[in-house]
Amino acid sequence: GAQRAECFLKIDTGMGRIGILPAKVDEFVQELSAHGYGQSMNVEDPEQWASCVHISAAFTHMSKADEVCKQYTRQQLECFAECTRKLEPLSSLLPMRFHVANSATATDHHVIFDGTCAKLFSEYAHMRLGISLYGFYASRDLDHDRTSLRPALSWKTRVVQVKELPPGQRISYGGIYETSRPITRIATLPVGYADGLRRLLSNNPEQPWHVLVGGVRAPIIGRICMDMCMVDVTEVPCRVEEDDEVVLIGTQGSERITADEMASALDTINYEVSCLVGRRVPRVYHSALAPHHNCMRSIVHDFSFQT
């Protein structure tokens, strides 16, 4: 038979993005009550449309929970608590859960849910993890010691060509890098800015961006191209050959390059880095429980991007 359509109700307590405003909650409740919310389903009467709906959860989004000062977050909590009280005429008819915890709120819950907000923790215990599913912290200002996260993704590629160049040879577009050693070994990688490896990481002489190859860091030289980039592997202890694994984000041997490092180099946040990797880069899942498709948003366990 027919079933009620389940939905979540979002309340905008201070994000300013989507959701109904706290001042409109009373009006919202009255509107649904007037149109049969919680009553026997009546699919025939358009005036009783609300009888076909079940608001199974109401939630809000914390916009500053990743910062040191939690005052604004607590204000949002208190505002949301008042809204949930206004929703009681609906929640008394059909069960309704409440949740507020994004990754930052979940990580620092012991700081946020204190004082006057302590009693709310058990009521809002459900969590909506986002960046934490990647094993990333929502910001540097959170308590990393209390919650231990392990990065759940890596981004890898393989060497497609290795060549030895004499001094005075220019590399990539614009020729902004020139070889100076008697012999410079260059490894070409099949990954570029069309794949999400930002051109801003190109050829910074003061702080060059590196990849991992042979278990050590090797600098990208010259400008990153649309589909390729070049790496100086002259000082890599082992002899780098075609088809050798290269790590852009992740671990190789005892070395690690993190999404946070890349975010810092790009003057952005790890959220953006996790979204940069292009659709044409295959997703390879490393768990029997992982989904059997290539949707980046369906991260459950360890996986890697392989270019």
C-alpha atoms as a PDB file:
ATOM      1  CA  GLY A   1       0.000   0.000   0.000  1.00  0.00           C
ATOM      2  CA  ALA A   2       0.882   3.663  -0.054  1.00  0.00           C
ATOM      3  CA  GLN A   3       3.473   4.893   2.405  1.00  0.00           C
ATOM      4  CA  ARG A   4       4.192   8.338   3.720  1.00  0.00           C
ATOM      5  CA  ALA A   5       7.029  10.185   2.023  1.00  0.00           C
ATOM      6  CA  GLU A   6       9.857  10.538   4.530  1.00  0.00           C
ATOM      7  CA  CYS A   7      11.764  13.790   4.595  1.00  0.00           C
ATOM      8  CA  PHE A   8      14.209  15.756   6.714  1.00  0.00           C
ATOM      9  CA  LEU A   9      13.457  19.292   7.820  1.00  0.00           C
ATOM     10  CA  LYS A  10      16.370  21.716   7.762  1.00  0.00           C
ATOM     11  CA  ILE A  11      16.316  24.768  10.006  1.00  0.00           C
ATOM     12  CA  ASP A  12      18.632  27.681   9.286  1.00  0.00           C
ATOM     13  CA  THR A  13      19.975  28.699  12.694  1.00  0.00           C
ATOM     14  CA  GLY A  14      22.861  30.769  11.343  1.00  0.00           C
ATOM     15  CA  MET A  15      24.383  29.254   8.209  1.00  0.00           C
ATOM     16  CA  GLY A  16      22.305  31.428   5.878  1.00  0.00           C
ATOM     17  CA  ARG A  17      22.215  28.754   3.191  1.00  0.00           C
ATOM     18  CA  ILE A  18      19.033  26.655   3.053  1.00  0.00           C
ATOM     19  CA  GLY A  19      16.330  25.731   5.532  1.00  0.00           C
ATOM     20  CA  ILE A  20      13.405  27.488   7.163  1.00  0.00           C
ATOM     21  CA  LEU A  21      14.168  30.362   9.499  1.00  0.00           C
ATOM     22  CA  PRO A  22      13.466  29.911  13.236  1.00  0.00           C
ATOM     23  CA  ALA A  23      10.893  32.710  13.082  1.00  0.00           C
ATOM     24  CA  LYS A  24       8.909  30.674  10.531  1.00  0.00           C
ATOM     25  CA  VAL A  25       8.764  27.388  12.493  1.00  0.00           C
ATOM     26  CA  ASP A  26       5.458  28.178  14.231  1.00  0.00           C
ATOM     27  CA  GLU A  27       3.860  29.063  10.906  1.00  0.00           C
ATOM     28  CA  PHE A  28       5.289  25.878   9.368  1.00  0.00           C
ATOM     29  CA  VAL A  29       3.816  23.716  12.142  1.00  0.00           C
ATOM     30  CA  GLN A  30       0.418  25.377  11.809  1.00  0.00           C
ATOM     31  CA  GLU A  31       0.441  24.860   8.031  1.00  0.00           C
ATOM     32  CA  LEU A  32       1.155  21.132   8.304  1.00  0.00           C
ATOM     33  CA  SER A  33      -1.326  20.643  11.140  1.00  0.00           C
ATOM     34  CA  ALA A  34      -4.042  22.346   9.102  1.00  0.00           C
ATOM     35  CA  HIS A  35      -3.452  19.926   6.247  1.00  0.00           C
ATOM     36  CA  GLY A  36      -3.645  16.634   8.113  1.00  0.00           C
ATOM     37  CA  TYR A  37      -0.100  15.984   9.327  1.00  0.00           C
ATOM     38  CA  GLY A  38       0.015  12.833  11.463  1.00  0.00           C
ATOM     39  CA  GLN A  39      -3.543  11.858  10.558  1.00  0.00           C
ATOM     40  CA  SER A  40      -4.633   8.834   8.538  1.00  0.00           C
ATOM     41  CA  MET A  41      -3.259   9.035   5.034  1.00  0.00           C
ATOM     42  CA  ASN A  42      -5.653  10.564   2.562  1.00  0.00           C
ATOM     43  CA  VAL A  43      -4.155  10.547  -0.909  1.00  0.00           C
ATOM     44  CA  GLU A  44      -7.461  11.533  -2.504  1.00  0.00           C
ATOM     45  CA  ASP A  45      -7.965  14.876  -0.769  1.00  0.00           C
ATOM     46  CA  PRO A  46      -5.461  17.556  -1.866  1.00  0.00           C
ATOM     47  CA  GLU A  47      -6.346  19.542   1.244  1.00  0.00           C
ATOM     48  CA  GLN A  48      -4.931  16.698   3.346  1.00  0.00           C
ATOM     49  CA  TRP A  49      -1.550  16.582   1.534  1.00  0.00           C
ATOM     50  CA  ALA A  50       0.394  16.733   4.803  1.00  0.00           C
ATOM     51  CA  SER A  51      -1.077  13.383   5.859  1.00  0.00           C
ATOM     52  CA  CYS A  52       1.166  11.809   3.210  1.00  0.00           C
ATOM     53  CA  VAL A  53       4.361  13.219   4.709  1.00  0.00           C
ATOM     54  CA  HIS A  54       6.510  12.085   7.612  1.00  0.00           C
ATOM     55  CA  ILE A  55       9.242  14.428   8.841  1.00  0.00           C
ATOM     56  CA  SER A  56      11.508  11.761  10.278  1.00  0.00           C
ATOM     57  CA  ALA A  57      14.240  14.185  11.316  1.00  0.00           C
ATOM     58  CA  ALA A  58      14.941  17.865  11.772  1.00  0.00           C
ATOM     59  CA  PHE A  59      18.454  19.235  11.685  1.00  0.00           C
ATOM     60  CA  THR A  60      20.627  22.310  11.364  1.00  0.00           C
ATOM     61  CA  HIS A  61      24.166  22.975  10.186  1.00  0.00           C
ATOM     62  CA  MET A  62      26.904  24.491  12.347  1.00  0.00           C
ATOM     63  CA  SER A  63      28.842  27.104  10.383  1.00  0.00           C
ATOM     64  CA  LYS A  64      31.624  27.911  12.878  1.00  0.00           C
ATOM     65  CA  ALA A  65      32.123  24.664  14.814  1.00  0.00           C
ATOM     66  CA  ASP A  66      35.584  24.260  13.278  1.00  0.00           C
ATOM     67  CA  GLU A  67      36.843  27.403  15.008  1.00  0.00           C
ATOM     68  CA  VAL A  68      38.434  27.740  18.454  1.00  0.00           C
ATOM     69  CA  CYS A  69      35.683  29.952  19.835  1.00  0.00           C
ATOM     70  CA  LYS A  70      32.445  27.982  20.195  1.00  0.00           C
ATOM     71  CA  GLN A  71      30.182  30.836  21.279  1.00  0.00           C
ATOM     72  CA  TYR A  72      28.375  31.145  17.921  1.00  0.00           C
ATOM     73  CA  THR A  73      27.984  27.360  17.716  1.00  0.00           C
ATOM     74  CA  ARG A  74      26.361  27.266  21.142  1.00  0.00           C
ATOM     75  CA  GLN A  75      24.035  30.080  20.072  1.00  0.00           C
ATOM     76  CA  GLN A  76      23.015  27.954  17.090  1.00  0.00           C
ATOM     77  CA  LEU A  77      22.441  24.997  19.416  1.00  0.00           C
ATOM     78  CA  GLU A  78      20.227  26.996  21.728  1.00  0.00           C
ATOM     79  CA  CYS A  79      18.288  28.375  18.772  1.00  0.00           C
ATOM     80  CA  PHE A  80      17.788  24.875  17.391  1.00  0.00           C
ATOM     81  CA  ALA A  81      16.658  23.607  20.804  1.00  0.00           C
ATOM     82  CA  GLU A  82      13.957  26.281  20.863  1.00  0.00           C
ATOM     83  CA  CYS A  83      12.887  25.248  17.351  1.00  0.00           C
ATOM     84  CA  THR A  84      12.605  21.588  18.371  1.00  0.00           C
ATOM     85  CA  ARG A  85      10.251  22.613  21.179  1.00  0.00           C
ATOM     86  CA  LYS A  86       8.106  24.389  18.617  1.00  0.00           C
ATOM     87  CA  LEU A  87       8.050  21.187  16.549  1.00  0.00           C
ATOM     88  CA  GLU A  88       6.548  19.153  19.406  1.00  0.00           C
ATOM     89  CA  PRO A  89       2.988  19.262  17.973  1.00  0.00           C
ATOM     90  CA  LEU A  90       4.384  17.369  14.969  1.00  0.00           C
ATOM     91  CA  SER A  91       6.897  15.125  16.745  1.00  0.00           C
ATOM     92  CA  SER A  92       4.197  13.982  19.176  1.00  0.00           C
ATOM     93  CA  LEU A  93       2.208  12.619  16.233  1.00  0.00           C
ATOM     94  CA  LEU A  94       5.014  10.921  14.309  1.00  0.00           C
ATOM     95  CA  PRO A  95       8.514  10.130  15.638  1.00  0.00           C
ATOM     96  CA  MET A  96      11.121  12.749  14.784  1.00  0.00           C
ATOM     97  CA  ARG A  97      14.872  12.659  15.405  1.00  0.00           C
ATOM     98  CA  PHE A  98      17.091  15.709  15.761  1.00  0.00           C
ATOM     99  CA  HIS A  99      20.722  16.114  14.759  1.00  0.00           C
ATOM    100  CA  VAL A 100      23.271  18.906  14.515  1.00  0.00           C
ATOM    101  CA  ALA A 101      26.700  17.271  14.333  1.00  0.00           C
ATOM    102  CA  ASN A 102      28.737  17.773  11.185  1.00  0.00           C
ATOM    103  CA  SER A 103      32.380  16.619  11.250  1.00  0.00           C
ATOM    104  CA  ALA A 104      33.624  19.608  13.243  1.00  0.00           C
ATOM    105  CA  THR A 105      30.813  19.400  15.788  1.00  0.00           C
ATOM    106  CA  ALA A 106      31.351  15.665  16.216  1.00  0.00           C
ATOM    107  CA  THR A 107      35.106  16.066  16.691  1.00  0.00           C
ATOM    108  CA  ASP A 108      34.792  18.836  19.281  1.00  0.00           C
ATOM    109  CA  HIS A 109      31.510  17.697  20.870  1.00  0.00           C
ATOM    110  CA  HIS A 110      33.143  17.569  24.320  1.00  0.00           C
ATOM    111  CA  VAL A 111      33.844  21.315  24.054  1.00  0.00           C
ATOM    112  CA  ILE A 112      30.635  22.393  22.320  1.00  0.00           C
ATOM    113  CA  PHE A 113      28.163  20.428  24.459  1.00  0.00           C
ATOM    114  CA  ASP A 114      29.169  21.834  27.817  1.00  0.00           C
ATOM    115  CA  GLY A 115      27.547  24.170  30.310  1.00  0.00           C
ATOM    116  CA  THR A 116      23.993  25.025  29.318  1.00  0.00           C
ATOM    117  CA  CYS A 117      24.292  22.889  26.161  1.00  0.00           C
ATOM    118  CA  ALA A 118      25.374  19.694  27.975  1.00  0.00           C
ATOM    119  CA  LYS A 119      21.830  18.337  28.293  1.00  0.00           C
ATOM    120  CA  LEU A 120      21.389  18.555  24.512  1.00  0.00           C
ATOM    121  CA  PHE A 121      24.112  16.049  23.673  1.00  0.00           C
ATOM    122  CA  SER A 122      22.010  12.935  24.253  1.00  0.00           C
ATOM    123  CA  GLU A 123      19.114  14.459  22.298  1.00  0.00           C
ATOM    124  CA  TYR A 124      21.270  15.339  19.286  1.00  0.00           C
ATOM    125  CA  ALA A 125      23.602  12.340  19.308  1.00  0.00           C
ATOM    126  CA  HIS A 126      23.181  11.474  15.623  1.00  0.00           C
ATOM    127  CA  MET A 127      26.058  12.624  13.424  1.00  0.00           C
ATOM    128  CA  ARG A 128      26.366  13.677   9.774  1.00  0.00           C
ATOM    129  CA  LEU A 129      30.026  13.091   9.022  1.00  0.00           C
ATOM    130  CA  GLY A 130      31.451  14.602   5.866  1.00  0.00           C
ATOM    131  CA  ILE A 131      35.170  15.339   5.643  1.00  0.00           C
ATOM    132  CA  SER A 132      35.824  12.984   8.581  1.00  0.00           C
ATOM    133  CA  LEU A 133      34.828  10.055   6.349  1.00  0.00           C
ATOM    134  CA  TYR A 134      37.949  10.821   4.353  1.00  0.00           C
ATOM    135  CA  GLY A 135      39.964  10.644   7.571  1.00  0.00           C
ATOM    136  CA  PHE A 136      40.542  14.398   7.454  1.00  0.00           C
ATOM    137  CA  TYR A 137      40.034  16.882  10.276  1.00  0.00           C
ATOM    138  CA  ALA A 138      37.639  19.732   9.511  1.00  0.00           C
ATOM    139  CA  SER A 139      40.265  22.271  10.594  1.00  0.00           C
ATOM    140  CA  ARG A 140      43.557  22.673  12.438  1.00  0.00           C
ATOM    141  CA  ASP A 141      41.704  24.310  15.332  1.00  0.00           C
ATOM    142  CA  LEU A 142      39.928  21.119  16.395  1.00  0.00           C
ATOM    143  CA  ASP A 143      41.085  18.764  19.138  1.00  0.00           C
ATOM    144  CA  HIS A 144      43.145  16.269  17.116  1.00  0.00           C
ATOM    145  CA  ASP A 145      44.358  14.461  20.224  1.00  0.00           C
ATOM    146  CA  ARG A 146      40.929  13.395  21.413  1.00  0.00           C
ATOM    147  CA  THR A 147      39.739  12.049  18.051  1.00  0.00           C
ATOM    148  CA  SER A 148      42.196  10.014  16.019  1.00  0.00           C
ATOM    149  CA  LEU A 149      41.518   9.979  12.268  1.00  0.00           C
ATOM    150  CA  ARG A 150      43.421   8.021   9.632  1.00  0.00           C
ATOM    151  CA  PRO A 151      43.373   9.290   6.024  1.00  0.00           C
ATOM    152  CA  ALA A 152      41.178   6.962   3.991  1.00  0.00           C
ATOM    153  CA  LEU A 153      42.284   7.910   0.495  1.00  0.00           C
ATOM    154  CA  SER A 154      45.355   8.098  -1.657  1.00  0.00           C
ATOM    155  CA  TRP A 155      45.948   9.472  -5.147  1.00  0.00           C
ATOM    156  CA  LYS A 156      48.378   7.526  -7.264  1.00  0.00           C
ATOM    157  CA  THR A 157      49.696   7.408 -10.803  1.00  0.00           C
ATOM    158  CA  ARG A 158      52.545   5.709 -12.710  1.00  0.00           C
ATOM    159  CA  VAL A 159      55.555   6.904 -14.642  1.00  0.00           C
ATOM    160  CA  VAL A 160      54.958   6.870 -18.405  1.00  0.00           C
ATOM    161  CA  GLN A 161      58.430   7.928 -19.549  1.00  0.00           C
ATOM    162  CA  VAL A 162      61.906   8.515 -18.114  1.00  0.00           C
ATOM    163  CA  LYS A 163      64.585  10.459 -19.939  1.00  0.00           C
ATOM    164  CA  GLU A 164      68.040  11.824 -19.185  1.00  0.00           C
ATOM    165  CA  LEU A 165      68.677  15.416 -20.187  1.00  0.00           C
ATOM    166  CA  PRO A 166      71.928  17.429 -20.398  1.00  0.00           C
ATOM    167  CA  PRO A 167      72.299  20.872 -18.798  1.00  0.00           C
ATOM    168  CA  GLY A 168      70.511  23.794 -20.409  1.00  0.00           C
ATOM    169  CA  GLN A 169      67.349  21.913 -21.394  1.00  0.00           C
ATOM    170  CA  ARG A 170      64.059  23.678 -20.690  1.00  0.00           C
ATOM    171  CA  ILE A 171      61.073  21.820 -19.275  1.00  0.00           C
ATOM    172  CA  SER A 172      57.370  22.288 -20.073  1.00  0.00           C
ATOM    173  CA  TYR A 173      55.428  25.305 -21.302  1.00  0.00           C
ATOM    174  CA  GLY A 174      57.204  28.638 -21.110  1.00  0.00           C
ATOM    175  CA  GLY A 175      60.526  26.942 -20.411  1.00  0.00           C
ATOM    176  CA  ILE A 176      60.587  28.360 -16.892  1.00  0.00           C
ATOM    177  CA  TYR A 177      62.673  25.438 -15.598  1.00  0.00           C
ATOM    178  CA  GLU A 178      66.131  24.769 -17.006  1.00  0.00           C
ATOM    179  CA  THR A 179      68.272  21.732 -16.188  1.00  0.00           C
ATOM    180  CA  SER A 180      71.636  22.458 -14.596  1.00  0.00           C
ATOM    181  CA  ARG A 181      73.124  19.083 -13.631  1.00  0.00           C
ATOM    182  CA  PRO A 182      75.436  17.146 -15.957  1.00  0.00           C
ATOM    183  CA  ILE A 183      72.555  14.679 -16.263  1.00  0.00           C
ATOM    184  CA  THR A 184      68.997  15.272 -15.039  1.00  0.00           C
ATOM    185  CA  ARG A 185      66.608  12.330 -14.939  1.00  0.00           C
ATOM    186  CA  ILE A 186      63.058  13.400 -15.731  1.00  0.00           C
ATOM    187  CA  ALA A 187      59.984  11.228 -15.111  1.00  0.00           C
ATOM    188  CA  THR A 188      56.793  12.169 -16.933  1.00  0.00           C
ATOM    189  CA  LEU A 189      53.482  11.437 -15.184  1.00  0.00           C
ATOM    190  CA  PRO A 190      50.091  11.126 -16.934  1.00  0.00           C
ATOM    191  CA  VAL A 191      48.316  13.549 -14.616  1.00  0.00           C
ATOM    192  CA  GLY A 192      47.701  17.274 -14.932  1.00  0.00           C
ATOM    193  CA  TYR A 193      45.381  20.094 -14.059  1.00  0.00           C
ATOM    194  CA  ALA A 194      42.523  18.483 -16.003  1.00  0.00           C
ATOM    195  CA  ASP A 195      42.708  15.715 -13.379  1.00  0.00           C
ATOM    196  CA  GLY A 196      42.787  18.130 -10.434  1.00  0.00           C
ATOM    197  CA  LEU A 197      46.550  18.577  -9.988  1.00  0.00           C
ATOM    198  CA  ARG A 198      46.411  22.339  -9.864  1.00  0.00           C
ATOM    199  CA  ARG A 199      48.728  24.381 -12.073  1.00  0.00           C
ATOM    200  CA  LEU A 200      49.431  26.584  -9.037  1.00  0.00           C
ATOM    201  CA  LEU A 201      51.662  23.776  -7.740  1.00  0.00           C
ATOM    202  CA  SER A 202      54.030  24.272 -10.672  1.00  0.00           C
ATOM    203  CA  ASN A 203      57.711  25.087 -10.386  1.00  0.00           C
ATOM    204  CA  ASN A 204      57.966  26.992  -7.123  1.00  0.00           C
ATOM    205  CA  PRO A 205      61.765  27.320  -6.643  1.00  0.00           C
ATOM    206  CA  GLU A 206      61.420  28.307  -2.974  1.00  0.00           C
ATOM    207  CA  GLN A 207      58.921  25.617  -2.012  1.00  0.00           C
ATOM    208  CA  PRO A 208      58.556  23.097  -4.853  1.00  0.00           C
ATOM    209  CA  TRP A 209      55.655  20.682  -4.769  1.00  0.00           C
ATOM    210  CA  HIS A 210      56.690  17.043  -4.496  1.00  0.00           C
ATOM    211  CA  VAL A 211      55.360  13.604  -5.267  1.00  0.00           C
ATOM    212  CA  LEU A 212      56.507  10.300  -3.787  1.00  0.00           C
ATOM    213  CA  VAL A 213      58.462   7.907  -5.966  1.00  0.00           C
ATOM    214  CA  GLY A 214      60.855   5.227  -4.831  1.00  0.00           C
ATOM    215  CA  GLY A 215      59.831   5.961  -1.249  1.00  0.00           C
ATOM    216  CA  VAL A 216      61.172   9.543  -1.280  1.00  0.00           C
ATOM    217  CA  ARG A 217      59.990  13.000  -2.277  1.00  0.00           C
ATOM    218  CA  ALA A 218      60.758  14.197  -5.789  1.00  0.00           C
ATOM    219  CA  PRO A 219      59.955  17.752  -6.997  1.00  0.00           C
ATOM    220  CA  ILE A 220      57.634  18.656  -9.841  1.00  0.00           C
ATOM    221  CA  ILE A 221      59.576  20.802 -12.310  1.00  0.00           C
ATOM    222  CA  GLY A 222      58.274  23.104 -15.001  1.00  0.00           C
ATOM    223  CA  ARG A 223      54.634  23.983 -15.436  1.00  0.00           C
ATOM    224  CA  ILE A 224      52.004  21.336 -14.813  1.00  0.00           C
ATOM    225  CA  CYS A 225      50.292  20.623 -18.143  1.00  0.00           C
ATOM    226  CA  MET A 226      46.675  19.754 -18.795  1.00  0.00           C
ATOM    227  CA  ASP A 227      47.293  16.001 -18.880  1.00  0.00           C
ATOM    228  CA  MET A 228      50.899  15.553 -17.730  1.00  0.00           C
ATOM    229  CA  CYS A 229      53.610  16.840 -15.448  1.00  0.00           C
ATOM    230  CA  MET A 230      57.335  16.292 -15.082  1.00  0.00           C
ATOM    231  CA  VAL A 231      59.255  15.257 -11.982  1.00  0.00           C
ATOM    232  CA  ASP A 232      62.985  15.435 -11.260  1.00  0.00           C
ATOM    233  CA  VAL A 233      63.973  11.933 -10.119  1.00  0.00           C
ATOM    234  CA  THR A 234      67.741  12.443 -10.347  1.00  0.00           C
ATOM    235  CA  GLU A 235      68.227  12.130  -6.588  1.00  0.00           C
ATOM    236  CA  VAL A 236      65.842   9.234  -6.023  1.00  0.00           C
ATOM    237  CA  PRO A 237      68.062   6.473  -4.549  1.00  0.00           C
ATOM    238  CA  CYS A 238      66.562   3.695  -6.648  1.00  0.00           C
ATOM    239  CA  ARG A 239      66.533   3.903 -10.419  1.00  0.00           C
ATOM    240  CA  VAL A 240      63.085   5.137 -11.445  1.00  0.00           C
ATOM    241  CA  GLU A 241      61.674   3.332 -14.466  1.00  0.00           C
ATOM    242  CA  GLU A 242      58.521   3.453 -16.543  1.00  0.00           C
ATOM    243  CA  ASP A 243      55.422   2.070 -14.782  1.00  0.00           C
ATOM    244  CA  ASP A 244      56.824   2.779 -11.294  1.00  0.00           C
ATOM    245  CA  GLU A 245      54.173   3.868  -8.792  1.00  0.00           C
ATOM    246  CA  VAL A 246      53.988   7.567  -7.916  1.00  0.00           C
ATOM    247  CA  VAL A 247      51.949   8.915  -4.998  1.00  0.00           C
ATOM    248  CA  LEU A 248      50.409  12.377  -5.202  1.00  0.00           C
ATOM    249  CA  ILE A 249      48.499  12.114  -1.916  1.00  0.00           C
ATOM    250  CA  GLY A 250      49.135   9.255   0.474  1.00  0.00           C
ATOM    251  CA  THR A 251      51.964   7.128   1.798  1.00  0.00           C
ATOM    252  CA  GLN A 252      54.883   5.392   0.170  1.00  0.00           C
ATOM    253  CA  GLY A 253      57.501   3.766   2.377  1.00  0.00           C
ATOM    254  CA  SER A 254      58.044   6.015   5.369  1.00  0.00           C
ATOM    255  CA  GLU A 255      57.072   9.195   3.520  1.00  0.00           C
ATOM    256  CA  ARG A 256      53.622  10.760   3.374  1.00  0.00           C
ATOM    257  CA  ILE A 257      52.029  13.642   1.489  1.00  0.00           C
ATOM    258  CA  THR A 258      48.707  14.740   2.951  1.00  0.00           C
ATOM    259  CA  ALA A 259      45.721  16.550   1.540  1.00  0.00           C
ATOM    260  CA  ASP A 260      46.304  19.160   4.238  1.00  0.00           C
ATOM    261  CA  GLU A 261      49.775  19.838   2.820  1.00  0.00           C
ATOM    262  CA  MET A 262      48.354  20.291  -0.661  1.00  0.00           C
ATOM    263  CA  ALA A 263      45.604  22.524   0.715  1.00  0.00           C
ATOM    264  CA  SER A 264      48.189  24.704   2.462  1.00  0.00           C
ATOM    265  CA  ALA A 265      50.233  25.003  -0.731  1.00  0.00           C
ATOM    266  CA  LEU A 266      47.093  26.068  -2.618  1.00  0.00           C
ATOM    267  CA  ASP A 267      45.906  28.406   0.154  1.00  0.00           C
ATOM    268  CA  THR A 268      42.677  26.490   0.524  1.00  0.00           C
ATOM    269  CA  ILE A 269      41.176  23.723   2.684  1.00  0.00           C
ATOM    270  CA  ASN A 270      41.343  19.935   2.543  1.00  0.00           C
ATOM    271  CA  TYR A 271      37.638  19.851   1.589  1.00  0.00           C
ATOM    272  CA  GLU A 272      38.477  21.468  -1.742  1.00  0.00           C
ATOM    273  CA  VAL A 273      41.434  19.171  -2.339  1.00  0.00           C
ATOM    274  CA  SER A 274      39.224  16.110  -1.849  1.00  0.00           C
ATOM    275  CA  CYS A 275      36.870  17.509  -4.510  1.00  0.00           C
ATOM    276  CA  LEU A 276      39.590  18.447  -7.011  1.00  0.00           C
ATOM    277  CA  VAL A 277      40.304  14.961  -8.339  1.00  0.00           C
ATOM    278  CA  GLY A 278      38.623  14.810 -11.741  1.00  0.00           C
ATOM    279  CA  ARG A 279      35.987  12.342 -12.880  1.00  0.00           C
ATOM    280  CA  ARG A 280      38.272  10.695 -15.412  1.00  0.00           C
ATOM    281  CA  VAL A 281      40.564   9.507 -12.604  1.00  0.00           C
ATOM    282  CA  PRO A 282      39.472   5.934 -11.714  1.00  0.00           C
ATOM    283  CA  ARG A 283      38.358   5.245  -8.139  1.00  0.00           C
ATOM    284  CA  VAL A 284      39.728   1.984  -6.759  1.00  0.00           C
ATOM    285  CA  TYR A 285      38.138   0.694  -3.557  1.00  0.00           C
ATOM    286  CA  HIS A 286      40.094  -1.455  -1.123  1.00  0.00           C
ATOM    287  CA  SER A 287      37.388  -3.030   0.995  1.00  0.00           C
ATOM    288  CA  ALA A 288      34.934  -5.860   0.519  1.00  0.00           C
ATOM    289  CA  LEU A 289      32.323  -3.547   2.037  1.00  0.00           C
ATOM    290  CA  ALA A 290      32.949  -0.707  -0.426  1.00  0.00           C
ATOM    291  CA  PRO A 291      30.381   0.156  -3.106  1.00  0.00           C
ATOM    292  CA  HIS A 292      30.831  -1.295  -6.569  1.00  0.00           C
ATOM    293  CA  HIS A 293      30.715   1.949  -8.493  1.00  0.00           C
ATOM    294  CA  ASN A 294      32.887   4.979  -9.048  1.00  0.00           C
ATOM    295  CA  CYS A 295      30.997   7.675  -7.190  1.00  0.00           C
ATOM    296  CA  MET A 296      33.502   9.702  -5.193  1.00  0.00           C
ATOM    297  CA  ARG A 297      30.822  10.747  -2.712  1.00  0.00           C
ATOM    298  CA  SER A 298      30.209   7.159  -1.605  1.00  0.00           C
ATOM    299  CA  ILE A 299      33.347   6.782   0.465  1.00  0.00           C
ATOM    300  CA  VAL A 300      33.055   4.079   3.076  1.00  0.00           C
ATOM    301  CA  HIS A 301      36.476   2.534   3.559  1.00  0.00           C
ATOM    302  CA  ASP A 302      39.985   2.898   2.173  1.00  0.00           C
ATOM    303  CA  PHE A 303      40.153   3.774  -1.499  1.00  0.00           C
ATOM    304  CA  SER A 304      42.536   5.404  -3.912  1.00  0.00           C
ATOM    305  CA  PHE A 305      42.510   7.471  -7.061  1.00  0.00           C
ATOM    306  CA  GLN A 306      44.702   5.983  -9.759  1.00  0.00           C
ATOM    307  CA  THR A 307      45.630   8.064 -12.768  1.00  0.00           C
END
